[in-house]
N, C-alpha and C. Protein backbone atom coordinates (compact mmCIF):
# COMPACT_ATOMS: atom_id res chain seq x y z
N MET A 1 0.85 -1.18 0.00
CA MET A 1 0.00 0.00 0.00
C MET A 1 0.89 1.24 0.00
N SER A 2 0.50 2.19 -0.77
CA SER A 2 1.27 3.43 -0.89
C SER A 2 1.18 4.25 0.40
N ALA A 3 2.27 4.90 0.73
CA ALA A 3 2.30 5.73 1.93
C ALA A 3 1.34 6.91 1.82
N GLN A 4 1.05 7.33 0.60
CA GLN A 4 0.13 8.45 0.40
C GLN A 4 -1.31 8.07 0.71
N LEU A 5 -1.63 6.79 0.70
CA LEU A 5 -3.01 6.36 0.95
C LEU A 5 -3.27 5.96 2.39
N ILE A 6 -2.23 5.85 3.20
CA ILE A 6 -2.41 5.42 4.58
C ILE A 6 -3.20 6.45 5.38
N VAL A 7 -2.85 7.71 5.28
CA VAL A 7 -3.54 8.76 6.05
C VAL A 7 -5.02 8.87 5.66
N PRO A 8 -5.38 8.91 4.37
CA PRO A 8 -6.81 8.96 4.03
C PRO A 8 -7.59 7.74 4.53
N TYR A 9 -6.97 6.55 4.47
CA TYR A 9 -7.66 5.36 4.98
C TYR A 9 -7.87 5.44 6.48
N VAL A 10 -6.90 5.94 7.22
CA VAL A 10 -7.04 6.08 8.67
C VAL A 10 -8.12 7.10 9.01
N VAL A 11 -8.15 8.21 8.29
CA VAL A 11 -9.18 9.23 8.52
C VAL A 11 -10.56 8.68 8.19
N LEU A 12 -10.69 7.96 7.10
CA LEU A 12 -11.96 7.35 6.73
C LEU A 12 -12.40 6.34 7.78
N TRP A 13 -11.49 5.50 8.23
CA TRP A 13 -11.81 4.50 9.25
C TRP A 13 -12.27 5.16 10.54
N ALA A 14 -11.56 6.21 10.98
CA ALA A 14 -11.92 6.90 12.22
C ALA A 14 -13.29 7.56 12.10
N THR A 15 -13.58 8.16 10.96
CA THR A 15 -14.87 8.80 10.73
C THR A 15 -16.00 7.79 10.76
N LEU A 16 -15.82 6.66 10.10
CA LEU A 16 -16.85 5.62 10.09
C LEU A 16 -17.05 5.01 11.48
N MET A 17 -15.97 4.79 12.21
CA MET A 17 -16.09 4.23 13.56
C MET A 17 -16.81 5.21 14.49
N ARG A 18 -16.51 6.49 14.37
CA ARG A 18 -17.18 7.50 15.20
C ARG A 18 -18.68 7.51 14.89
N GLY A 19 -19.03 7.43 13.62
CA GLY A 19 -20.43 7.38 13.22
C GLY A 19 -21.15 6.16 13.79
N LEU A 20 -20.49 5.02 13.76
CA LEU A 20 -21.08 3.80 14.32
C LEU A 20 -21.25 3.91 15.84
N LEU A 21 -20.27 4.48 16.52
CA LEU A 21 -20.37 4.62 17.97
C LEU A 21 -21.45 5.63 18.37
N VAL A 22 -21.65 6.66 17.58
CA VAL A 22 -22.74 7.62 17.85
C VAL A 22 -24.08 6.94 17.59
N ALA A 23 -24.18 6.17 16.52
CA ALA A 23 -25.43 5.47 16.21
C ALA A 23 -25.77 4.43 17.28
N ALA A 24 -24.75 3.84 17.88
CA ALA A 24 -24.97 2.85 18.94
C ALA A 24 -25.19 3.52 20.30
N LYS A 25 -25.16 4.84 20.32
CA LYS A 25 -25.36 5.65 21.53
C LYS A 25 -24.30 5.38 22.59
N ILE A 26 -23.09 5.07 22.14
CA ILE A 26 -21.95 4.93 23.05
C ILE A 26 -21.27 6.28 23.23
N LEU A 27 -21.18 7.04 22.14
CA LEU A 27 -20.63 8.39 22.17
C LEU A 27 -21.74 9.38 21.85
N PRO A 28 -21.70 10.57 22.46
CA PRO A 28 -22.72 11.57 22.14
C PRO A 28 -22.39 12.28 20.83
N PRO A 29 -23.42 12.75 20.11
CA PRO A 29 -23.16 13.54 18.91
C PRO A 29 -22.53 14.88 19.30
N THR A 30 -21.56 15.34 18.52
CA THR A 30 -20.88 16.59 18.83
C THR A 30 -20.95 17.54 17.64
N CYS A 31 -20.76 18.81 17.94
CA CYS A 31 -20.77 19.86 16.92
C CYS A 31 -19.46 19.80 16.13
N ALA A 32 -19.56 19.95 14.81
CA ALA A 32 -18.36 19.92 13.97
C ALA A 32 -17.53 21.19 14.14
N ARG A 33 -18.18 22.29 14.52
CA ARG A 33 -17.48 23.56 14.63
C ARG A 33 -16.73 23.70 15.95
N CYS A 34 -17.41 23.43 17.09
CA CYS A 34 -16.77 23.68 18.38
C CYS A 34 -16.41 22.40 19.14
N GLY A 35 -16.96 21.26 18.76
CA GLY A 35 -16.63 20.00 19.41
C GLY A 35 -17.42 19.70 20.67
N ARG A 36 -18.32 20.60 21.06
CA ARG A 36 -19.15 20.36 22.25
C ARG A 36 -20.32 19.45 21.90
N ASN A 37 -20.88 18.84 22.95
CA ASN A 37 -22.04 17.97 22.76
C ASN A 37 -23.23 18.76 22.25
N LEU A 38 -24.07 18.11 21.45
CA LEU A 38 -25.28 18.76 20.95
C LEU A 38 -26.42 18.63 21.95
N GLU A 39 -26.36 17.63 22.82
CA GLU A 39 -27.40 17.41 23.83
C GLU A 39 -26.75 17.21 25.18
N ARG A 40 -27.46 17.57 26.23
CA ARG A 40 -26.96 17.37 27.58
C ARG A 40 -27.14 15.91 27.99
N ARG A 41 -26.13 15.35 28.62
CA ARG A 41 -26.24 14.02 29.21
C ARG A 41 -26.44 14.14 30.72
N LYS A 42 -25.86 15.20 31.31
CA LYS A 42 -25.98 15.46 32.73
C LYS A 42 -26.43 16.90 32.93
N LEU A 43 -27.11 17.16 34.01
CA LEU A 43 -27.57 18.52 34.31
C LEU A 43 -26.37 19.44 34.51
N GLY A 44 -26.39 20.58 33.88
CA GLY A 44 -25.33 21.56 34.01
C GLY A 44 -24.20 21.41 33.01
N GLU A 45 -24.25 20.39 32.19
CA GLU A 45 -23.21 20.17 31.20
C GLU A 45 -23.32 21.22 30.09
N GLN A 46 -22.19 21.74 29.63
CA GLN A 46 -22.22 22.73 28.56
C GLN A 46 -22.50 22.05 27.23
N ILE A 47 -23.29 22.73 26.40
CA ILE A 47 -23.61 22.20 25.08
C ILE A 47 -23.27 23.25 24.02
N CYS A 48 -23.34 22.84 22.77
CA CYS A 48 -23.02 23.73 21.64
C CYS A 48 -24.02 24.87 21.56
N ASP A 49 -23.51 26.08 21.34
CA ASP A 49 -24.39 27.22 21.09
C ASP A 49 -23.95 27.97 19.84
N CYS A 50 -23.28 27.28 18.94
CA CYS A 50 -22.80 27.88 17.68
C CYS A 50 -23.94 28.32 16.78
N HIS A 51 -25.03 27.55 16.77
CA HIS A 51 -26.10 27.78 15.80
C HIS A 51 -27.26 28.60 16.37
N THR A 52 -27.13 29.11 17.58
CA THR A 52 -28.18 29.96 18.15
C THR A 52 -27.83 31.40 17.87
N GLY A 53 -28.85 32.21 17.79
CA GLY A 53 -28.52 33.61 17.63
C GLY A 53 -29.40 34.35 16.75
């Protein structure tokens, strides 16, 4: 395998695994812009406010 293709394959694999873990409700969905959770899991937890305003 070419060294130029290793990084894209790793990024693709990580993206797909994150999607599967979010779908399985193991990881919470996060904002692409700020990285904060989109929904609260615990009272008082900070959530994304990028799209409000």
